[in-house]
Amino acid sequence: MSTENKAGSESPNYTEYAGDYGSIIQSQLLELEKNRFAERFFEYDHLLWADNPSEITNRLGWVHLPKQMLAVINEIDNFSESIRKKGFTEVVVLGMGGSSLSSEVFRNIFTLRDGFLRLTLLDTTDPDFILKTRESVDLLRTLFVVSSKSGSTVETVSLMKYFYGELERKTGAPGEHFICITDPGSELIKTADKHGFSRVFINDPNVGGRFSALSYFGLVPASLAGVDIRKILQSAFSVLLELENSVGGKCHESPSFRLGTFLGVMAEQGRDKMGFIFSEKLFPFGCWVEQLIAESTGKNGTGILPLLDEEVPDCPRPGDDRAYILLSLREDGTVDTAASRIRNSKIPFVKIVVDSPDQIAAELFRFEFAVALAGSIMGINPFDQPDVESAKAFARSFLGLYRETGELEPEEPDFSRNGLAFSSNRNIESPEQLKDIISSKKKGYVSIQAYVDPAEENSKELLSLRAQIESISPVPVTLGFGPRFLHSTGQLHKGDSGEGFFIQIVSDNENDLPIPDDVGSAESAFSFQVLKTAQATGDFRSLDETGRGIARIRIPSDIPQGVRKIARIFA
């Protein structure tokens, strides 16, 4: 039972404080009921989002996944058992964005059963980190899950070719160490057939990547790692039932409808910086929900910017463009304290409470629906990603040049200081000028894009850098590792209102690794370091082309030292 008032709604698991926006949210909920949103949603009515059904009607297959995937639980679990019987002890997921991030949620939040495989997610092109992963596993006891909806994701395919080559040196049957998850008709299926992969899982092509957590893309790695996938689907199914019960005009009673309406209304009212606060155990949910929200809403000159790493002592941070979402385990006093501080500051927020970590699957499905609903309110198609291709196209052109000449386009820094090389599209001539740009920024946000080894020690230094920049910046600061963020917030960076400023950090590498030209090939036209550099340069060009301000800082291979030097600029 929930109670409503003009400022919001409250129930045991869902609290909404809308402040001055309460009446707008209530009016929007009534409008959704009047327009039969729930009924039309289950009818896959594209007119909820756009006149053109393209990239809508063929992207709604996720709607019934909690029910449909129950039919294949035994198939997935039996496969998982067969893998364990073969002696595999490790599973490495090779994938980017929505095709893989749910693996981190399941591995780090859910209760894992003993005797299953240790799961690692590899979604980088940094050769130092790839080599560390290679050295941390026993290849002959490792299963590689190649996850790509299209079957042609450059990072995923490159990693597949590299590890296949490594296994080829150790066994006469390297294909037995690979499975793939992909869409019907993809090139990956042909590769799997040709090279004897252990298994091919064909996913529903009508499920978009970032909405695929409850499909084979999420459930197969989860089962291999020891997650009870029946619990996942049963938890998500409870939200599907909630939505089905909204048919007939009860949207205002549904937490999922209220969450989606909150997101959409906040964006429309200019509160498009969405801070997230989590119970510690639930924090891995953040990277998944970040890519869902950013890539779904960041287009057509609008977007919701998720802000992770929001600390309770600093909460709420100043700014009339902020709202908050709190995701809490029941009786987590830390999150309750944050909620009280936010309410006292009269900043809108939603708090969602789960009774146990294993119930987070319900929130996966709830947020998928909520983002779809928010897109309708914002007047955008939440299922496409129109601005992602530009950075990829630039990177492909740079790699084509490298194939022809053996060299990438030469980098000519604008200036160098203290071992750091600086380039920008804003005529920045000194570190002091860069600091002035950040400290005088009145709206928008600053984004740190780190094309570096994403090891824990480097992440800690980058978080310290983020905090240092936030101490002088009037606007929020985000942090993402490249190329992961290209499949996440990258769409928003190029598709939103254009008020972001970007600090791209690109490291040299101590090691490099060749990328075979094909699976099983001994020939290699370029390496992972070349690919990483091409991706960073491609994103720089794409941001520049869309009028965004960007500064690149090239640092040596000693990443902690290089990042500390950058931090001193903003002291």
Protein backbone atom coordinates (compact mmCIF):
# COMPACT_ATOMS: atom_id res chain seq x y z
CA MET A 1 0.00 0.00 0.00
CA SER A 2 1.38 3.40 -0.95
CA THR A 3 0.46 6.86 0.21
CA GLU A 4 0.49 9.87 -2.07
CA ASN A 5 0.62 13.60 -1.48
CA LYS A 6 1.44 16.62 -3.58
CA ALA A 7 5.16 16.14 -2.92
CA GLY A 8 5.39 12.49 -3.92
CA SER A 9 4.64 8.92 -2.90
CA GLU A 10 5.77 6.53 -0.20
CA SER A 11 5.53 2.76 0.28
CA PRO A 12 7.75 0.18 2.04
CA ASN A 13 10.02 -0.27 -1.01
CA TYR A 14 9.57 2.99 -2.92
CA THR A 15 9.82 6.56 -1.67
CA GLU A 16 9.49 9.53 -3.97
CA TYR A 17 10.04 13.12 -2.91
CA ALA A 18 9.26 15.42 -5.82
CA GLY A 19 9.02 18.71 -3.96
CA ASP A 20 7.71 21.46 -6.21
CA TYR A 21 7.42 18.99 -9.08
CA GLY A 22 4.85 16.74 -7.38
CA SER A 23 1.86 18.15 -9.23
CA ILE A 24 3.67 17.85 -12.58
CA ILE A 25 4.42 14.19 -11.91
CA GLN A 26 0.82 13.53 -10.90
CA SER A 27 -0.45 15.22 -14.06
CA GLN A 28 1.96 13.18 -16.17
CA LEU A 29 0.80 9.93 -14.56
CA LEU A 30 -2.81 10.85 -15.30
CA GLU A 31 -1.85 11.60 -18.89
CA LEU A 32 -0.17 8.17 -19.18
CA GLU A 33 -3.37 6.52 -17.95
CA LYS A 34 -5.50 8.61 -20.30
CA ASN A 35 -3.30 7.65 -23.25
CA ARG A 36 -3.37 3.95 -22.28
CA PHE A 37 0.42 3.78 -22.06
CA ALA A 38 0.46 0.39 -20.30
CA GLU A 39 -1.83 -1.26 -22.86
CA ARG A 40 0.01 0.24 -25.82
CA PHE A 41 3.40 -0.67 -24.34
CA PHE A 42 2.48 -4.35 -24.31
CA GLU A 43 1.14 -3.97 -27.85
CA TYR A 44 4.57 -2.67 -28.96
CA ASP A 45 3.00 0.57 -30.19
CA HIS A 46 5.88 2.59 -31.68
CA LEU A 47 3.79 5.77 -31.58
CA LEU A 48 4.56 6.00 -27.86
CA TRP A 49 8.01 7.16 -28.98
CA ALA A 50 8.05 8.17 -32.66
CA ASP A 51 6.10 8.16 -35.91
CA ASN A 52 8.68 5.90 -37.53
CA PRO A 53 8.69 2.33 -36.17
CA SER A 54 12.36 1.82 -37.14
CA GLU A 55 14.58 0.90 -34.18
CA ILE A 56 11.48 0.58 -31.96
CA THR A 57 9.22 -2.33 -32.93
CA ASN A 58 12.31 -4.46 -33.52
CA ARG A 59 13.81 -3.46 -30.15
CA LEU A 60 11.03 -4.44 -27.74
CA GLY A 61 11.81 -8.13 -27.38
CA TRP A 62 13.06 -7.52 -23.83
CA VAL A 63 9.53 -6.77 -22.58
CA HIS A 64 8.61 -10.41 -21.95
CA LEU A 65 12.08 -11.83 -21.21
CA PRO A 66 11.33 -12.54 -17.52
CA LYS A 67 8.59 -14.92 -18.68
CA GLN A 68 10.13 -16.26 -21.90
CA MET A 69 13.57 -17.08 -20.50
CA LEU A 70 12.06 -19.28 -17.79
CA ALA A 71 11.62 -21.85 -20.55
CA VAL A 72 15.40 -22.11 -21.16
CA ILE A 73 16.67 -22.17 -17.58
CA ASN A 74 17.35 -25.92 -17.72
CA GLU A 75 19.12 -25.56 -21.06
CA ILE A 76 21.46 -22.90 -19.66
CA ASP A 77 22.10 -24.65 -16.34
CA ASN A 78 22.72 -28.01 -18.03
CA PHE A 79 25.27 -26.35 -20.29
CA SER A 80 26.91 -24.75 -17.25
CA GLU A 81 27.11 -28.13 -15.55
CA SER A 82 28.69 -29.71 -18.63
CA ILE A 83 31.37 -27.03 -18.64
CA ARG A 84 32.23 -27.72 -15.00
CA LYS A 85 32.43 -31.44 -15.70
CA LYS A 86 35.01 -30.73 -18.40
CA GLY A 87 37.26 -29.20 -15.76
CA PHE A 88 36.86 -25.51 -16.52
CA THR A 89 37.40 -23.26 -13.50
CA GLU A 90 37.49 -19.79 -15.08
CA VAL A 91 35.17 -17.89 -17.41
CA VAL A 92 36.23 -14.69 -19.17
CA VAL A 93 33.47 -12.63 -20.80
CA LEU A 94 34.67 -10.75 -23.88
CA GLY A 95 32.11 -8.04 -24.60
CA MET A 96 31.28 -4.37 -24.54
CA GLY A 97 28.46 -2.26 -23.10
CA GLY A 98 25.06 -3.79 -22.63
CA SER A 99 26.18 -7.17 -23.95
CA SER A 100 28.46 -7.67 -20.96
CA LEU A 101 27.94 -5.19 -18.11
CA SER A 102 25.17 -7.26 -16.52
CA SER A 103 27.84 -9.92 -15.91
CA GLU A 104 29.48 -7.57 -13.42
CA VAL A 105 26.16 -6.99 -11.65
CA PHE A 106 25.51 -10.71 -11.26
CA ARG A 107 29.09 -11.54 -10.25
CA ASN A 108 29.50 -8.79 -7.67
CA ILE A 109 26.02 -8.51 -6.14
CA PHE A 110 24.39 -11.95 -6.25
CA THR A 111 25.11 -14.88 -3.96
CA LEU A 112 27.45 -17.23 -5.84
CA ARG A 113 27.29 -20.97 -5.25
CA ASP A 114 30.46 -22.96 -4.53
CA GLY A 115 32.12 -25.05 -7.21
CA PHE A 116 31.32 -22.76 -10.14
CA LEU A 117 33.61 -20.77 -12.42
CA ARG A 118 35.39 -17.56 -11.43
CA LEU A 119 34.09 -14.84 -13.75
CA THR A 120 36.17 -12.03 -15.26
CA LEU A 121 34.86 -9.32 -17.58
CA LEU A 122 37.29 -8.04 -20.21
CA ASP A 123 36.07 -4.90 -21.98
CA THR A 124 39.23 -2.95 -22.73
CA THR A 125 41.78 -2.62 -25.53
CA ASP A 126 44.59 -1.65 -23.17
CA PRO A 127 47.37 -4.21 -23.77
CA ASP A 128 48.80 -4.01 -20.24
CA PHE A 129 45.46 -4.98 -18.69
CA ILE A 130 44.84 -7.67 -21.32
CA LEU A 131 48.24 -9.19 -20.55
CA LYS A 132 47.51 -9.13 -16.81
CA THR A 133 44.26 -10.98 -17.48
CA ARG A 134 46.09 -13.50 -19.65
CA GLU A 135 48.62 -14.14 -16.87
CA SER A 136 45.98 -14.37 -14.13
CA VAL A 137 44.12 -17.36 -15.62
CA ASP A 138 45.01 -20.94 -16.49
CA LEU A 139 44.18 -20.89 -20.19
CA LEU A 140 43.62 -24.64 -20.38
CA ARG A 141 40.92 -24.36 -17.70
CA THR A 142 39.35 -21.14 -19.00
CA LEU A 143 36.18 -20.72 -21.04
CA PHE A 144 35.84 -17.53 -23.12
CA VAL A 145 32.35 -16.15 -23.70
CA VAL A 146 32.33 -13.99 -26.83
CA SER A 147 29.36 -11.64 -26.44
CA SER A 148 28.40 -9.45 -29.38
CA LYS A 149 24.93 -8.74 -30.71
CA SER A 150 26.25 -7.73 -34.13
CA GLY A 151 29.10 -10.24 -34.14
CA SER A 152 31.46 -7.53 -35.35
CA THR A 153 32.21 -5.40 -32.26
CA VAL A 154 35.86 -4.50 -32.86
CA GLU A 155 37.01 -4.79 -29.25
CA THR A 156 35.27 -8.13 -28.71
CA VAL A 157 36.42 -9.65 -32.00
CA SER A 158 40.01 -8.47 -31.41
CA LEU A 159 40.09 -10.05 -27.95
CA MET A 160 38.63 -13.27 -29.35
CA LYS A 161 41.31 -13.47 -32.03
CA TYR A 162 44.09 -12.80 -29.51
CA PHE A 163 43.01 -15.41 -26.95
CA TYR A 164 42.28 -17.99 -29.64
CA GLY A 165 45.86 -17.56 -30.80
CA GLU A 166 47.16 -17.95 -27.26
CA LEU A 167 45.20 -21.17 -26.81
CA GLU A 168 46.30 -22.47 -30.19
CA ARG A 169 49.84 -22.58 -28.80
CA LYS A 170 48.72 -24.82 -25.94
CA THR A 171 46.09 -27.19 -27.35
CA GLY A 172 45.06 -28.73 -30.62
CA ALA A 173 41.41 -27.87 -29.92
CA PRO A 174 41.32 -24.18 -28.99
CA GLY A 175 37.71 -23.82 -30.13
CA GLU A 176 36.53 -25.96 -27.23
CA HIS A 177 37.47 -23.07 -24.95
CA PHE A 178 35.05 -20.67 -26.66
CA ILE A 179 31.33 -20.11 -26.81
CA CYS A 180 29.53 -17.16 -28.32
CA ILE A 181 26.29 -15.26 -27.76
CA THR A 182 25.06 -13.31 -30.74
CA ASP A 183 22.13 -12.51 -33.02
CA PRO A 184 20.92 -14.72 -35.89
CA GLY A 185 22.96 -14.35 -39.06
CA SER A 186 25.99 -12.65 -37.51
CA GLU A 187 29.54 -13.35 -38.72
CA LEU A 188 30.32 -14.71 -35.27
CA ILE A 189 28.18 -17.77 -35.98
CA LYS A 190 30.27 -18.59 -39.05
CA THR A 191 33.46 -18.13 -37.03
CA ALA A 192 32.15 -20.42 -34.30
CA ASP A 193 31.21 -23.12 -36.80
CA LYS A 194 34.52 -22.91 -38.63
CA HIS A 195 36.67 -23.08 -35.51
CA GLY A 196 34.70 -25.56 -33.46
CA PHE A 197 33.35 -23.41 -30.65
CA SER A 198 31.73 -25.42 -27.87
CA ARG A 199 28.40 -23.69 -28.14
CA VAL A 200 26.54 -20.91 -29.92
CA PHE A 201 23.65 -19.19 -28.15
CA ILE A 202 21.38 -17.34 -30.57
CA ASN A 203 19.73 -14.40 -28.86
CA ASP A 204 16.43 -12.78 -29.79
CA PRO A 205 17.41 -10.14 -32.41
CA ASN A 206 14.63 -7.88 -31.14
CA VAL A 207 16.46 -7.33 -27.86
CA GLY A 208 18.80 -4.31 -27.90
CA GLY A 209 22.20 -4.63 -26.24
CA ARG A 210 21.55 -2.42 -23.24
CA PHE A 211 18.19 -4.13 -22.62
CA SER A 212 19.72 -7.64 -22.78
CA ALA A 213 20.56 -8.34 -19.12
CA LEU A 214 17.80 -10.96 -18.79
CA SER A 215 18.58 -12.63 -22.12
CA TYR A 216 21.28 -15.19 -22.95
CA PHE A 217 23.81 -12.31 -22.78
CA GLY A 218 23.29 -11.95 -19.05
CA LEU A 219 22.02 -15.35 -17.96
CA VAL A 220 24.67 -17.62 -19.51
CA PRO A 221 27.63 -15.93 -17.76
CA ALA A 222 25.58 -15.71 -14.56
CA SER A 223 24.86 -19.44 -14.57
CA LEU A 224 28.51 -20.27 -15.27
CA ALA A 225 29.53 -18.12 -12.30
CA GLY A 226 27.11 -19.85 -9.93
CA VAL A 227 24.16 -17.46 -9.82
CA ASP A 228 20.73 -19.02 -9.44
CA ILE A 229 19.23 -17.70 -12.68
CA ARG A 230 15.77 -18.93 -11.73
CA LYS A 231 15.86 -16.41 -8.86
CA ILE A 232 16.93 -13.71 -11.31
CA LEU A 233 13.96 -14.32 -13.57
CA GLN A 234 11.46 -14.77 -10.75
CA SER A 235 12.56 -11.47 -9.25
CA ALA A 236 12.25 -9.68 -12.60
CA PHE A 237 8.92 -11.41 -13.27
CA SER A 238 7.45 -9.69 -10.20
CA VAL A 239 7.99 -6.34 -11.93
CA LEU A 240 6.49 -7.63 -15.17
CA LEU A 241 3.37 -8.59 -13.22
CA GLU A 242 3.31 -5.13 -11.63
CA LEU A 243 3.33 -3.57 -15.11
CA GLU A 244 0.66 -5.93 -16.42
CA ASN A 245 -1.51 -5.00 -13.45
CA SER A 246 -1.18 -1.36 -14.50
CA VAL A 247 -3.20 -2.07 -17.61
CA GLY A 248 -6.56 -0.42 -17.20
CA GLY A 249 -5.45 2.77 -15.50
CA LYS A 250 -3.45 2.17 -12.34
CA CYS A 251 -0.14 3.72 -13.37
CA HIS A 252 0.08 5.92 -10.27
CA GLU A 253 0.21 2.81 -8.05
CA SER A 254 3.17 1.28 -9.90
CA PRO A 255 6.71 2.07 -8.64
CA SER A 256 8.01 1.35 -12.14
CA PHE A 257 5.65 3.87 -13.73
CA ARG A 258 6.47 6.40 -11.03
CA LEU A 259 10.22 5.91 -11.49
CA GLY A 260 10.00 6.38 -15.26
CA THR A 261 7.79 9.43 -14.82
CA PHE A 262 10.22 10.87 -12.26
CA LEU A 263 13.15 10.44 -14.68
CA GLY A 264 11.27 11.97 -17.60
CA VAL A 265 9.82 14.90 -15.70
CA MET A 266 13.11 15.74 -14.02
CA ALA A 267 14.83 15.83 -17.42
CA GLU A 268 12.09 17.99 -18.92
CA GLN A 269 12.30 20.38 -15.97
CA GLY A 270 16.08 20.82 -16.31
CA ARG A 271 17.10 18.47 -13.49
CA ASP A 272 19.00 16.24 -15.88
CA LYS A 273 21.99 15.43 -13.64
CA MET A 274 20.91 12.26 -11.82
CA GLY A 275 23.03 11.47 -8.78
CA PHE A 276 23.08 7.84 -7.63
CA ILE A 277 23.72 6.68 -4.08
CA PHE A 278 23.97 2.96 -3.35
CA SER A 279 24.29 0.65 -0.43
CA GLU A 280 27.88 -0.59 -0.67
CA LYS A 281 26.88 -4.10 -1.77
CA LEU A 282 24.72 -2.69 -4.57
CA PHE A 283 27.32 -0.32 -6.03
CA PRO A 284 28.16 -2.59 -9.03
CA PHE A 285 24.65 -1.85 -10.29
CA GLY A 286 25.95 1.62 -11.12
CA CYS A 287 27.95 0.96 -14.30
CA TRP A 288 25.05 -1.01 -15.77
CA VAL A 289 22.40 1.62 -15.02
CA GLU A 290 24.76 4.38 -16.19
CA GLN A 291 25.02 2.91 -19.69
CA LEU A 292 21.28 2.18 -19.79
CA ILE A 293 20.26 5.74 -18.94
CA ALA A 294 23.00 7.64 -20.78
CA GLU A 295 22.85 5.74 -24.06
CA SER A 296 19.04 5.61 -24.07
CA THR A 297 18.37 9.29 -23.30
CA GLY A 298 21.43 11.20 -24.56
CA LYS A 299 20.32 12.27 -28.03
CA ASN A 300 18.50 14.96 -30.00
CA GLY A 301 20.00 17.69 -27.82
CA THR A 302 18.78 16.29 -24.52
CA GLY A 303 19.73 13.57 -22.06
CA ILE A 304 20.01 12.42 -18.46
CA LEU A 305 23.57 12.35 -17.11
CA PRO A 306 24.03 9.66 -14.42
CA LEU A 307 26.45 10.66 -11.66
CA LEU A 308 28.01 7.70 -9.87
CA ASP A 309 30.33 7.79 -6.84
CA GLU A 310 28.11 10.31 -5.07
CA GLU A 311 29.38 10.35 -1.49
CA VAL A 312 26.96 10.76 1.42
CA PRO A 313 29.14 13.33 3.31
CA ASP A 314 29.07 15.58 0.21
CA CYS A 315 25.42 14.97 -0.53
CA PRO A 316 23.52 16.79 -1.79
CA ARG A 317 25.93 18.67 -3.99
CA PRO A 318 24.93 22.16 -5.10
CA GLY A 319 23.10 22.77 -8.35
CA ASP A 320 19.51 23.29 -9.41
CA ASP A 321 20.01 20.78 -12.22
CA ARG A 322 20.29 17.76 -9.90
CA ALA A 323 17.97 15.05 -8.68
CA TYR A 324 18.85 11.79 -6.94
CA ILE A 325 18.11 8.08 -6.99
CA LEU A 326 19.02 6.03 -3.94
CA LEU A 327 19.20 2.23 -4.15
CA SER A 328 19.36 0.70 -0.73
CA LEU A 329 19.33 -2.54 1.16
CA ARG A 330 16.69 -2.42 3.87
CA GLU A 331 17.82 -0.75 7.09
CA ASP A 332 20.97 0.74 5.55
CA GLY A 333 21.44 3.76 7.78
CA THR A 334 23.96 5.37 5.45
CA VAL A 335 21.48 5.66 2.61
CA ASP A 336 18.74 6.75 5.02
CA THR A 337 21.02 9.57 6.18
CA ALA A 338 21.55 10.64 2.57
CA ALA A 339 17.80 10.61 1.94
CA SER A 340 17.19 12.87 4.96
CA ARG A 341 19.85 15.34 3.85
CA ILE A 342 18.48 15.47 0.30
CA ARG A 343 14.89 15.94 1.50
CA ASN A 344 15.97 18.71 3.89
CA SER A 345 17.60 20.45 0.92
CA LYS A 346 14.31 20.15 -1.00
CA ILE A 347 15.98 18.32 -3.89
CA PRO A 348 13.81 15.70 -5.65
CA PHE A 349 14.78 12.07 -5.12
CA VAL A 350 13.57 8.50 -5.32
CA LYS A 351 14.65 5.82 -2.86
CA ILE A 352 14.21 2.16 -3.81
CA VAL A 353 14.69 -0.48 -1.12
CA VAL A 354 15.47 -4.15 -1.74
CA ASP A 355 15.35 -6.78 1.00
CA SER A 356 18.38 -8.72 -0.24
CA PRO A 357 21.08 -8.34 -2.92
CA ASP A 358 19.56 -11.16 -4.96
CA GLN A 359 16.44 -9.03 -5.53
CA ILE A 360 18.42 -6.56 -7.63
CA ALA A 361 17.24 -8.41 -10.77
CA ALA A 362 13.84 -6.81 -10.27
CA GLU A 363 15.55 -3.43 -10.51
CA LEU A 364 17.24 -4.39 -13.77
CA PHE A 365 13.85 -4.86 -15.37
CA ARG A 366 12.27 -1.91 -13.53
CA PHE A 367 14.93 0.50 -14.79
CA GLU A 368 14.66 -0.84 -18.34
CA PHE A 369 10.98 -0.03 -18.33
CA ALA A 370 11.49 3.28 -16.53
CA VAL A 371 14.02 4.46 -19.11
CA ALA A 372 11.70 3.46 -21.95
CA LEU A 373 8.90 5.46 -20.31
CA ALA A 374 11.18 8.44 -19.65
CA GLY A 375 12.12 8.45 -23.33
CA SER A 376 8.46 8.77 -24.26
CA ILE A 377 8.02 11.75 -21.92
CA MET A 378 11.21 13.36 -23.28
CA GLY A 379 10.08 12.88 -26.89
CA ILE A 380 12.99 10.65 -27.93
CA ASN A 381 13.50 7.09 -29.10
CA PRO A 382 15.29 5.36 -26.19
CA PHE A 383 16.20 2.31 -28.26
CA ASP A 384 18.55 3.80 -30.87
CA GLN A 385 22.05 5.29 -30.61
CA PRO A 386 22.43 7.69 -33.55
CA ASP A 387 25.72 9.28 -32.49
CA VAL A 388 27.76 6.19 -31.58
CA GLU A 389 28.89 5.42 -35.12
CA SER A 390 30.89 8.61 -35.71
CA ALA A 391 33.74 7.75 -33.32
CA LYS A 392 33.87 4.21 -34.72
CA ALA A 393 34.09 5.56 -38.27
CA PHE A 394 36.99 7.84 -37.39
CA ALA A 395 38.80 4.96 -35.65
CA ARG A 396 38.30 2.71 -38.68
CA SER A 397 39.76 5.36 -40.96
CA PHE A 398 42.85 5.70 -38.74
CA LEU A 399 43.32 1.93 -38.70
CA GLY A 400 42.96 1.87 -42.48
CA LEU A 401 45.73 4.45 -42.72
CA TYR A 402 47.88 2.34 -40.41
CA ARG A 403 47.37 -0.74 -42.58
CA GLU A 404 48.52 1.21 -45.63
CA THR A 405 51.45 3.13 -44.13
CA GLY A 406 52.39 1.36 -40.91
CA GLU A 407 51.80 4.59 -39.01
CA LEU A 408 48.94 6.37 -37.30
CA GLU A 409 48.30 10.02 -38.01
CA PRO A 410 51.11 11.80 -36.14
CA GLU A 411 50.20 13.47 -32.86
CA GLU A 412 51.48 17.03 -32.57
CA PRO A 413 50.83 18.29 -29.03
CA ASP A 414 50.02 21.95 -28.53
CA PHE A 415 52.52 22.06 -25.67
CA SER A 416 54.25 19.82 -23.13
CA ARG A 417 54.79 20.34 -19.43
CA ASN A 418 56.35 18.14 -16.75
CA GLY A 419 56.29 15.02 -18.93
CA LEU A 420 52.68 15.55 -20.03
CA ALA A 421 51.71 16.34 -23.63
CA PHE A 422 48.62 18.53 -24.15
CA SER A 423 46.34 18.91 -27.17
CA SER A 424 42.94 20.58 -27.41
CA ASN A 425 40.39 22.09 -29.75
CA ARG A 426 40.05 25.21 -27.57
CA ASN A 427 43.46 26.85 -28.13
CA ILE A 428 44.64 25.95 -24.65
CA GLU A 429 48.25 27.06 -24.25
CA SER A 430 49.02 26.14 -20.66
CA PRO A 431 47.85 23.92 -17.78
CA GLU A 432 46.74 27.07 -15.96
CA GLN A 433 44.42 27.94 -18.82
CA LEU A 434 42.88 24.45 -18.67
CA LYS A 435 42.28 24.92 -14.95
CA ASP A 436 40.64 28.29 -15.61
CA ILE A 437 38.25 26.73 -18.16
CA ILE A 438 37.15 24.10 -15.65
CA SER A 439 36.85 26.41 -12.65
CA SER A 440 34.81 28.98 -14.58
CA LYS A 441 32.36 26.52 -16.13
CA LYS A 442 28.84 27.56 -15.06
CA LYS A 443 26.70 24.76 -16.50
CA GLY A 444 26.98 21.31 -18.04
CA TYR A 445 29.58 18.87 -16.76
CA VAL A 446 33.20 17.77 -17.05
CA SER A 447 33.99 14.24 -18.21
CA ILE A 448 37.30 12.46 -17.60
CA GLN A 449 37.86 9.88 -20.35
CA ALA A 450 40.68 7.56 -19.33
CA TYR A 451 42.24 5.41 -22.05
CA VAL A 452 44.48 3.64 -19.56
CA ASP A 453 44.90 0.27 -17.89
CA PRO A 454 41.73 0.03 -15.70
CA ALA A 455 43.59 -1.70 -12.85
CA GLU A 456 42.41 -0.92 -9.32
CA GLU A 457 45.42 1.23 -8.40
CA ASN A 458 44.89 3.38 -11.50
CA SER A 459 41.17 3.64 -10.79
CA LYS A 460 41.90 4.94 -7.28
CA GLU A 461 44.19 7.64 -8.66
CA LEU A 462 41.60 8.66 -11.24
CA LEU A 463 38.91 8.89 -8.56
CA SER A 464 41.25 11.16 -6.59
CA LEU A 465 41.71 13.26 -9.73
CA ARG A 466 37.94 13.43 -10.15
CA ALA A 467 37.56 14.62 -6.57
CA GLN A 468 40.29 17.24 -7.07
CA ILE A 469 38.62 18.63 -10.19
CA GLU A 470 35.24 18.63 -8.43
CA SER A 471 36.76 20.75 -5.65
CA ILE A 472 37.27 23.62 -8.11
CA SER A 473 34.46 22.92 -10.57
CA PRO A 474 30.97 24.39 -10.18
CA VAL A 475 29.62 21.55 -12.35
CA PRO A 476 29.63 17.75 -11.82
CA VAL A 477 32.57 15.64 -12.96
CA THR A 478 32.24 12.12 -14.37
CA LEU A 479 34.82 9.41 -14.99
CA GLY A 480 34.86 6.64 -17.58
CA PHE A 481 37.42 4.18 -18.93
CA GLY A 482 37.93 4.01 -22.67
CA PRO A 483 36.81 2.29 -24.75
CA ARG A 484 34.14 1.02 -22.31
CA PHE A 485 32.40 4.39 -22.10
CA LEU A 486 32.09 4.56 -25.90
CA HIS A 487 29.43 1.85 -25.50
CA SER A 488 27.84 3.66 -22.57
CA THR A 489 28.01 7.40 -21.97
CA GLY A 490 29.65 8.03 -25.36
CA GLN A 491 26.26 8.43 -27.03
CA LEU A 492 25.20 11.08 -24.50
CA HIS A 493 28.53 12.94 -24.83
CA LYS A 494 27.79 13.59 -28.50
CA GLY A 495 23.99 13.64 -28.48
CA ASP A 496 23.06 15.82 -25.51
CA SER A 497 22.82 19.61 -25.34
CA GLY A 498 26.57 20.01 -25.89
CA GLU A 499 27.53 21.54 -22.55
CA GLY A 500 30.12 18.94 -21.57
CA PHE A 501 33.88 19.54 -21.49
CA PHE A 502 36.08 16.50 -21.91
CA ILE A 503 39.50 15.68 -20.49
CA GLN A 504 40.90 12.73 -22.40
CA ILE A 505 43.81 10.94 -20.75
CA VAL A 506 45.76 8.53 -22.96
CA SER A 507 48.63 6.50 -21.53
CA ASP A 508 51.62 4.91 -23.16
CA ASN A 509 51.96 1.18 -22.49
CA GLU A 510 54.75 -0.93 -21.06
CA ASN A 511 53.63 -3.85 -23.22
CA ASP A 512 51.90 -4.36 -26.53
CA LEU A 513 50.11 -7.33 -28.01
CA PRO A 514 49.45 -8.14 -31.68
CA ILE A 515 45.89 -8.61 -32.88
CA PRO A 516 45.75 -11.49 -35.38
CA ASP A 517 44.21 -10.55 -38.71
CA ASP A 518 41.79 -13.46 -38.34
CA VAL A 519 40.98 -16.25 -35.91
CA GLY A 520 43.87 -18.69 -36.12
CA SER A 521 46.00 -16.37 -38.28
CA ALA A 522 49.68 -15.73 -37.58
CA GLU A 523 49.54 -12.41 -39.44
CA SER A 524 48.85 -9.14 -37.63
CA ALA A 525 48.32 -5.73 -39.24
CA PHE A 526 48.11 -3.81 -35.97
CA SER A 527 48.29 -4.19 -32.19
CA PHE A 528 46.09 -3.40 -29.21
CA GLN A 529 48.08 -0.23 -28.50
CA VAL A 530 47.43 0.95 -32.06
CA LEU A 531 43.73 0.11 -31.68
CA LYS A 532 43.50 1.95 -28.34
CA THR A 533 45.17 5.04 -29.80
CA ALA A 534 42.93 4.97 -32.88
CA GLN A 535 39.84 4.75 -30.66
CA ALA A 536 40.94 7.64 -28.46
CA THR A 537 41.80 9.78 -31.50
CA GLY A 538 38.53 8.81 -33.17
CA ASP A 539 36.54 9.94 -30.14
CA PHE A 540 38.53 13.20 -29.98
CA ARG A 541 37.66 13.91 -33.61
CA SER A 542 34.01 12.96 -33.12
CA LEU A 543 33.61 15.25 -30.10
CA ASP A 544 35.35 18.04 -31.98
CA GLU A 545 33.07 17.53 -34.98
CA THR A 546 30.01 17.95 -32.76
CA GLY A 547 31.36 21.16 -31.23
CA ARG A 548 32.31 19.79 -27.82
CA GLY A 549 35.35 21.16 -26.00
CA ILE A 550 38.07 18.59 -25.37
CA ALA A 551 41.63 18.51 -24.06
CA ARG A 552 43.84 15.46 -24.49
CA ILE A 553 46.66 14.75 -22.05
CA ARG A 554 49.13 12.06 -23.08
CA ILE A 555 50.90 10.49 -20.09
CA PRO A 556 53.76 7.96 -19.80
CA SER A 557 53.19 4.32 -18.89
CA ASP A 558 53.54 5.07 -15.14
CA ILE A 559 49.84 5.83 -14.87
CA PRO A 560 49.57 6.65 -11.13
CA GLN A 561 52.39 9.16 -11.40
CA GLY A 562 50.96 10.69 -14.57
CA VAL A 563 47.48 11.07 -13.05
CA ARG A 564 48.94 12.66 -9.90
CA LYS A 565 50.72 15.20 -12.11
CA ILE A 566 47.40 16.05 -13.76
CA ALA A 567 45.74 16.39 -10.35
CA ARG A 568 48.32 18.99 -9.32
CA ILE A 569 47.16 21.18 -12.22
CA PHE A 570 43.79 21.54 -10.49
CA ALA A 571 45.11 22.04 -6.96
